[in-house]
Amino acid sequence: MPELYNQMKFQQEAFLEKISYSIVYPSTVHPDGSDYVGTGVVIKYSEAVFVVSALHNFCSEGSTVDDIIKTWNSAPFRLRDDESLKFHDRREPPINSLAPREGILLPLKSSPLIDREHDLIVGEVEGKRLPKHIVHLLDLTQNAHTGELKQGTPLTTVGMPRWGGVKIPGGPRVLHPYTNAVLYDPQLQLPLPSAQDPADYFFMQYTRMEDGIDPRGFSGAAVWLDAGADLVVWTPTPKIVGIVVMLKLLSLT
């Protein structure tokens, strides 16, 4: 059993290492004064580099397109730095701690693409200005899962939940990234607004409530599966399955 545990732990760490350079954390202040911390993913597509996130991270009810673009352009996006990853038990941050205003700024271009129907926003990144250690960005042409999700497929997402932070005595509240790892269950089906096509969405459980980690802040995070499990010799092979765009709370009473 210890050998199996160590192998699983090694695979988890290698997988998180592989995706960690693609995770970004925008910290936004909306025109109405409200602030929000969310998550996003930066990824290559052919020769270009893009960042994708949930649209509601950058707008409030009634926000105009100009409001959204202004918030987008002023949001400090952060990448992880080049330090080694540190892993702890499940009540601690699973990858390097990043405060919203620490780390490496993401060099963004203006005029993002706004998809209100699917609550998504996409902007191009000035790839030539990315830090030199960000050299292994995943490519959507190779790292996207477009097939059917099967029962029991392991899914992982890494997000920046607001309530997953620690208050530094005499200092700011530092936010930490956390993982949510579950097995896909196609029986988990919840109602959607009438304007949304169920074929465009799937649901996954959120398991960190028992650790006191509210999920708000995971919005915009990529959902990943590891296709390396199908290889003869396991190699971490992340594939993007989707983007977190909504939270559905279930009553157990």
Protein backbone atom coordinates (compact mmCIF):
# COMPACT_ATOMS: atom_id res chain seq x y z
CA MET A 1 0.00 0.00 0.00
CA PRO A 2 2.74 2.56 0.82
CA GLU A 3 4.29 1.94 -2.60
CA LEU A 4 0.93 2.49 -4.33
CA TYR A 5 0.33 5.67 -2.29
CA ASN A 6 3.76 7.04 -3.20
CA GLN A 7 3.15 6.28 -6.87
CA MET A 8 -0.22 8.07 -6.81
CA LYS A 9 1.31 11.04 -4.97
CA PHE A 10 4.13 11.24 -7.52
CA GLN A 11 1.66 11.17 -10.40
CA GLN A 12 -0.51 13.87 -8.80
CA GLU A 13 2.46 16.16 -8.23
CA ALA A 14 3.80 15.61 -11.75
CA PHE A 15 0.37 16.34 -13.22
CA LEU A 16 -0.07 19.56 -11.19
CA GLU A 17 3.45 20.63 -12.15
CA LYS A 18 2.51 20.17 -15.80
CA ILE A 19 -0.63 22.34 -15.64
CA SER A 20 0.57 24.90 -13.09
CA TYR A 21 2.21 27.22 -15.62
CA SER A 22 -1.11 27.52 -17.44
CA ILE A 23 -3.05 28.71 -14.38
CA VAL A 24 -3.62 32.46 -13.92
CA TYR A 25 -5.34 34.46 -11.20
CA PRO A 26 -7.09 37.71 -12.13
CA SER A 27 -7.96 40.12 -9.33
CA THR A 28 -10.60 42.58 -10.52
CA VAL A 29 -12.44 45.65 -9.30
CA HIS A 30 -15.75 46.17 -11.11
CA PRO A 31 -17.12 49.61 -12.04
CA ASP A 32 -19.65 49.36 -9.17
CA GLY A 33 -16.73 49.08 -6.72
CA SER A 34 -17.08 45.37 -5.99
CA ASP A 35 -13.91 43.30 -6.09
CA TYR A 36 -13.56 39.71 -7.18
CA VAL A 37 -10.88 37.05 -7.30
CA GLY A 38 -11.22 34.32 -9.90
CA THR A 39 -9.17 31.93 -11.98
CA GLY A 40 -8.23 31.56 -15.63
CA VAL A 41 -6.10 29.49 -17.96
CA VAL A 42 -3.42 30.66 -20.39
CA ILE A 43 -2.85 28.37 -23.33
CA LYS A 44 -1.41 28.31 -26.84
CA TYR A 45 -3.48 27.88 -29.95
CA SER A 46 -1.30 27.37 -32.99
CA GLU A 47 1.28 30.19 -32.75
CA ALA A 48 -0.85 32.54 -30.60
CA VAL A 49 -1.28 32.62 -26.82
CA PHE A 50 -4.64 33.27 -25.14
CA VAL A 51 -6.07 33.59 -21.67
CA VAL A 52 -9.59 32.26 -20.97
CA SER A 53 -11.74 32.94 -17.93
CA ALA A 54 -15.35 33.21 -16.81
CA LEU A 55 -16.96 36.43 -18.01
CA HIS A 56 -18.64 37.14 -14.67
CA ASN A 57 -15.19 37.56 -13.12
CA PHE A 58 -15.03 40.84 -15.05
CA CYS A 59 -18.55 42.21 -14.88
CA SER A 60 -21.45 42.90 -12.56
CA GLU A 61 -25.15 42.94 -13.35
CA GLY A 62 -25.79 45.67 -15.90
CA SER A 63 -22.16 46.00 -17.00
CA THR A 64 -21.73 47.30 -20.54
CA VAL A 65 -19.16 45.99 -23.01
CA ASP A 66 -17.06 49.07 -22.29
CA ASP A 67 -17.24 48.31 -18.56
CA ILE A 68 -16.09 44.73 -19.15
CA ILE A 69 -13.19 45.78 -21.37
CA LYS A 70 -12.11 48.41 -18.84
CA THR A 71 -12.14 45.86 -16.01
CA TRP A 72 -10.32 43.31 -18.19
CA ASN A 73 -7.59 45.75 -19.17
CA SER A 74 -7.01 46.86 -15.57
CA ALA A 75 -7.07 43.40 -13.97
CA PRO A 76 -3.72 42.16 -12.65
CA PHE A 77 -3.39 38.63 -14.03
CA ARG A 78 -0.74 36.57 -12.30
CA LEU A 79 1.23 33.48 -13.27
CA ARG A 80 3.16 31.28 -10.88
CA ASP A 81 6.84 32.09 -10.49
CA ASP A 82 9.79 29.80 -11.14
CA GLU A 83 10.16 28.43 -7.62
CA SER A 84 9.76 24.73 -6.94
CA LEU A 85 6.26 23.57 -6.15
CA LYS A 86 5.47 22.71 -2.54
CA PHE A 87 2.92 20.09 -1.61
CA HIS A 88 1.21 19.73 1.73
CA ASP A 89 -1.71 17.84 3.19
CA ARG A 90 -5.17 18.48 1.77
CA ARG A 91 -5.90 21.34 4.18
CA GLU A 92 -2.96 23.30 2.81
CA PRO A 93 -2.46 24.91 -0.62
CA PRO A 94 -1.47 22.16 -3.08
CA ILE A 95 0.77 24.39 -5.18
CA ASN A 96 2.76 27.56 -4.58
CA SER A 97 0.91 30.30 -2.71
CA LEU A 98 0.24 33.37 -4.81
CA ALA A 99 -1.26 36.56 -3.45
CA PRO A 100 -3.35 38.38 -6.09
CA ARG A 101 -0.75 41.12 -6.43
CA GLU A 102 2.33 38.91 -6.34
CA GLY A 103 3.91 36.70 -8.98
CA ILE A 104 4.33 37.62 -12.62
CA LEU A 105 2.05 40.02 -14.50
CA LEU A 106 0.48 38.60 -17.63
CA PRO A 107 1.14 40.84 -20.67
CA LEU A 108 -2.35 41.21 -22.18
CA LYS A 109 -3.53 42.74 -25.41
CA SER A 110 -6.78 44.72 -25.54
CA SER A 111 -10.19 43.97 -27.05
CA PRO A 112 -11.08 40.57 -25.55
CA LEU A 113 -13.69 38.32 -27.14
CA ILE A 114 -16.86 38.30 -25.00
CA ASP A 115 -19.24 35.33 -25.05
CA ARG A 116 -22.21 36.24 -22.87
CA GLU A 117 -24.14 33.11 -23.85
CA HIS A 118 -21.54 30.79 -22.31
CA ASP A 119 -20.17 33.24 -19.71
CA LEU A 120 -16.68 33.20 -21.23
CA ILE A 121 -14.08 35.83 -22.03
CA VAL A 122 -10.94 35.28 -24.13
CA GLY A 123 -8.03 37.63 -24.69
CA GLU A 124 -4.77 37.37 -26.57
CA VAL A 125 -1.48 37.47 -24.68
CA GLU A 126 1.71 39.01 -25.97
CA GLY A 127 3.54 35.70 -26.10
CA LYS A 128 6.95 37.22 -26.82
CA ARG A 129 6.76 39.12 -23.51
CA LEU A 130 6.04 36.07 -21.37
CA PRO A 131 8.76 35.16 -18.83
CA LYS A 132 11.42 32.83 -20.19
CA HIS A 133 10.57 30.05 -17.74
CA ILE A 134 7.02 29.89 -19.16
CA VAL A 135 8.22 27.81 -22.08
CA HIS A 136 5.97 24.76 -21.91
CA LEU A 137 2.52 26.26 -22.28
CA LEU A 138 0.00 23.63 -23.31
CA ASP A 139 -1.34 23.84 -26.86
CA LEU A 140 -5.09 23.61 -27.31
CA THR A 141 -4.63 21.84 -30.64
CA GLN A 142 -3.02 18.95 -28.74
CA ASN A 143 -4.30 19.32 -25.19
CA ALA A 144 -8.07 19.50 -25.59
CA HIS A 145 -10.37 16.57 -24.85
CA THR A 146 -13.15 16.56 -27.43
CA GLY A 147 -14.49 13.04 -26.95
CA GLU A 148 -17.18 11.74 -24.64
CA LEU A 149 -16.53 11.81 -20.91
CA LYS A 150 -16.78 8.32 -19.47
CA GLN A 151 -18.13 7.29 -16.08
CA GLY A 152 -15.36 7.43 -13.47
CA THR A 153 -12.95 9.62 -15.46
CA PRO A 154 -10.74 11.54 -12.95
CA LEU A 155 -11.28 15.30 -13.32
CA THR A 156 -9.11 17.97 -11.70
CA THR A 157 -9.47 21.71 -11.42
CA VAL A 158 -7.25 24.20 -9.60
CA GLY A 159 -8.81 27.47 -8.48
CA MET A 160 -8.33 30.52 -6.29
CA PRO A 161 -11.23 30.40 -3.78
CA ARG A 162 -11.69 33.61 -1.84
CA TRP A 163 -12.24 31.72 1.41
CA GLY A 164 -9.16 29.55 0.89
CA GLY A 165 -6.88 32.30 2.15
CA VAL A 166 -4.97 33.02 5.32
CA LYS A 167 -4.98 36.36 7.13
CA ILE A 168 -1.42 37.44 7.81
CA PRO A 169 -1.19 39.13 11.25
CA GLY A 170 -0.84 42.84 10.57
CA GLY A 171 -0.95 42.21 6.84
CA PRO A 172 -3.27 41.30 3.96
CA ARG A 173 -5.32 38.17 3.42
CA VAL A 174 -3.23 35.91 1.18
CA LEU A 175 -5.21 33.70 -1.18
CA HIS A 176 -4.08 30.18 -2.00
CA PRO A 177 -4.84 27.95 -4.99
CA TYR A 178 -6.63 24.69 -4.18
CA THR A 179 -7.44 21.55 -6.13
CA ASN A 180 -10.79 19.88 -6.54
CA ALA A 181 -10.38 16.31 -7.83
CA VAL A 182 -13.37 14.04 -8.46
CA LEU A 183 -14.54 11.16 -10.64
CA TYR A 184 -16.93 12.14 -13.40
CA ASP A 185 -20.51 11.04 -12.82
CA PRO A 186 -22.81 11.41 -15.85
CA GLN A 187 -25.80 10.90 -13.54
CA LEU A 188 -25.09 14.29 -11.94
CA GLN A 189 -27.49 16.45 -13.94
CA LEU A 190 -28.91 19.77 -12.75
CA PRO A 191 -31.36 22.22 -14.35
CA LEU A 192 -29.97 25.02 -16.52
CA PRO A 193 -31.51 28.33 -17.59
CA SER A 194 -33.70 27.83 -20.65
CA ALA A 195 -31.33 29.84 -22.87
CA GLN A 196 -28.44 27.43 -22.24
CA ASP A 197 -27.95 24.21 -24.20
CA PRO A 198 -27.34 21.23 -21.85
CA ALA A 199 -25.06 19.72 -24.52
CA ASP A 200 -22.56 22.54 -23.85
CA TYR A 201 -22.23 21.80 -20.11
CA PHE A 202 -21.38 19.05 -17.65
CA PHE A 203 -21.36 19.00 -13.85
CA MET A 204 -18.72 17.89 -11.37
CA GLN A 205 -18.93 17.65 -7.59
CA TYR A 206 -17.16 20.10 -5.31
CA THR A 207 -15.48 18.27 -2.41
CA ARG A 208 -13.67 21.01 -0.50
CA MET A 209 -16.61 22.21 1.59
CA GLU A 210 -15.59 19.72 4.27
CA ASP A 211 -12.28 21.61 4.51
CA GLY A 212 -14.14 24.91 4.92
CA ILE A 213 -13.19 26.11 1.43
CA ASP A 214 -16.04 27.97 -0.26
CA PRO A 215 -15.87 27.37 -4.04
CA ARG A 216 -16.41 31.00 -5.06
CA GLY A 217 -13.25 31.94 -6.92
CA PHE A 218 -12.96 28.73 -8.93
CA SER A 219 -14.85 30.47 -11.74
CA GLY A 220 -12.78 30.51 -14.91
CA ALA A 221 -10.59 27.57 -13.90
CA ALA A 222 -9.92 24.88 -16.46
CA VAL A 223 -11.17 21.35 -15.82
CA TRP A 224 -8.53 18.77 -16.74
CA LEU A 225 -8.24 15.05 -17.25
CA ASP A 226 -5.02 13.06 -17.50
CA ALA A 227 -4.81 11.16 -20.78
CA GLY A 228 -1.49 9.69 -19.64
CA ALA A 229 -3.38 6.91 -17.89
CA ASP A 230 -4.03 5.38 -21.31
CA LEU A 231 -0.34 5.25 -22.26
CA VAL A 232 1.87 2.14 -21.93
CA VAL A 233 4.29 4.17 -19.79
CA TRP A 234 2.48 6.81 -17.75
CA THR A 235 3.39 10.40 -18.61
CA PRO A 236 1.42 13.41 -17.34
CA THR A 237 -0.75 14.33 -20.33
CA PRO A 238 -3.24 17.06 -19.40
CA LYS A 239 -6.30 17.60 -21.58
CA ILE A 240 -8.72 20.49 -21.06
CA VAL A 241 -12.30 19.29 -20.72
CA GLY A 242 -14.02 22.62 -19.98
CA ILE A 243 -14.08 25.85 -17.97
CA VAL A 244 -15.82 26.40 -14.62
CA VAL A 245 -18.57 28.99 -15.17
CA MET A 246 -21.25 28.34 -12.55
CA LEU A 247 -21.96 27.02 -9.08
CA LYS A 248 -25.06 25.01 -8.20
CA LEU A 249 -25.78 24.43 -4.52
CA LEU A 250 -27.80 21.36 -3.57
CA SER A 251 -29.94 21.07 -0.45
CA LEU A 252 -29.62 17.72 1.29
CA THR A 253 -32.77 18.25 3.34
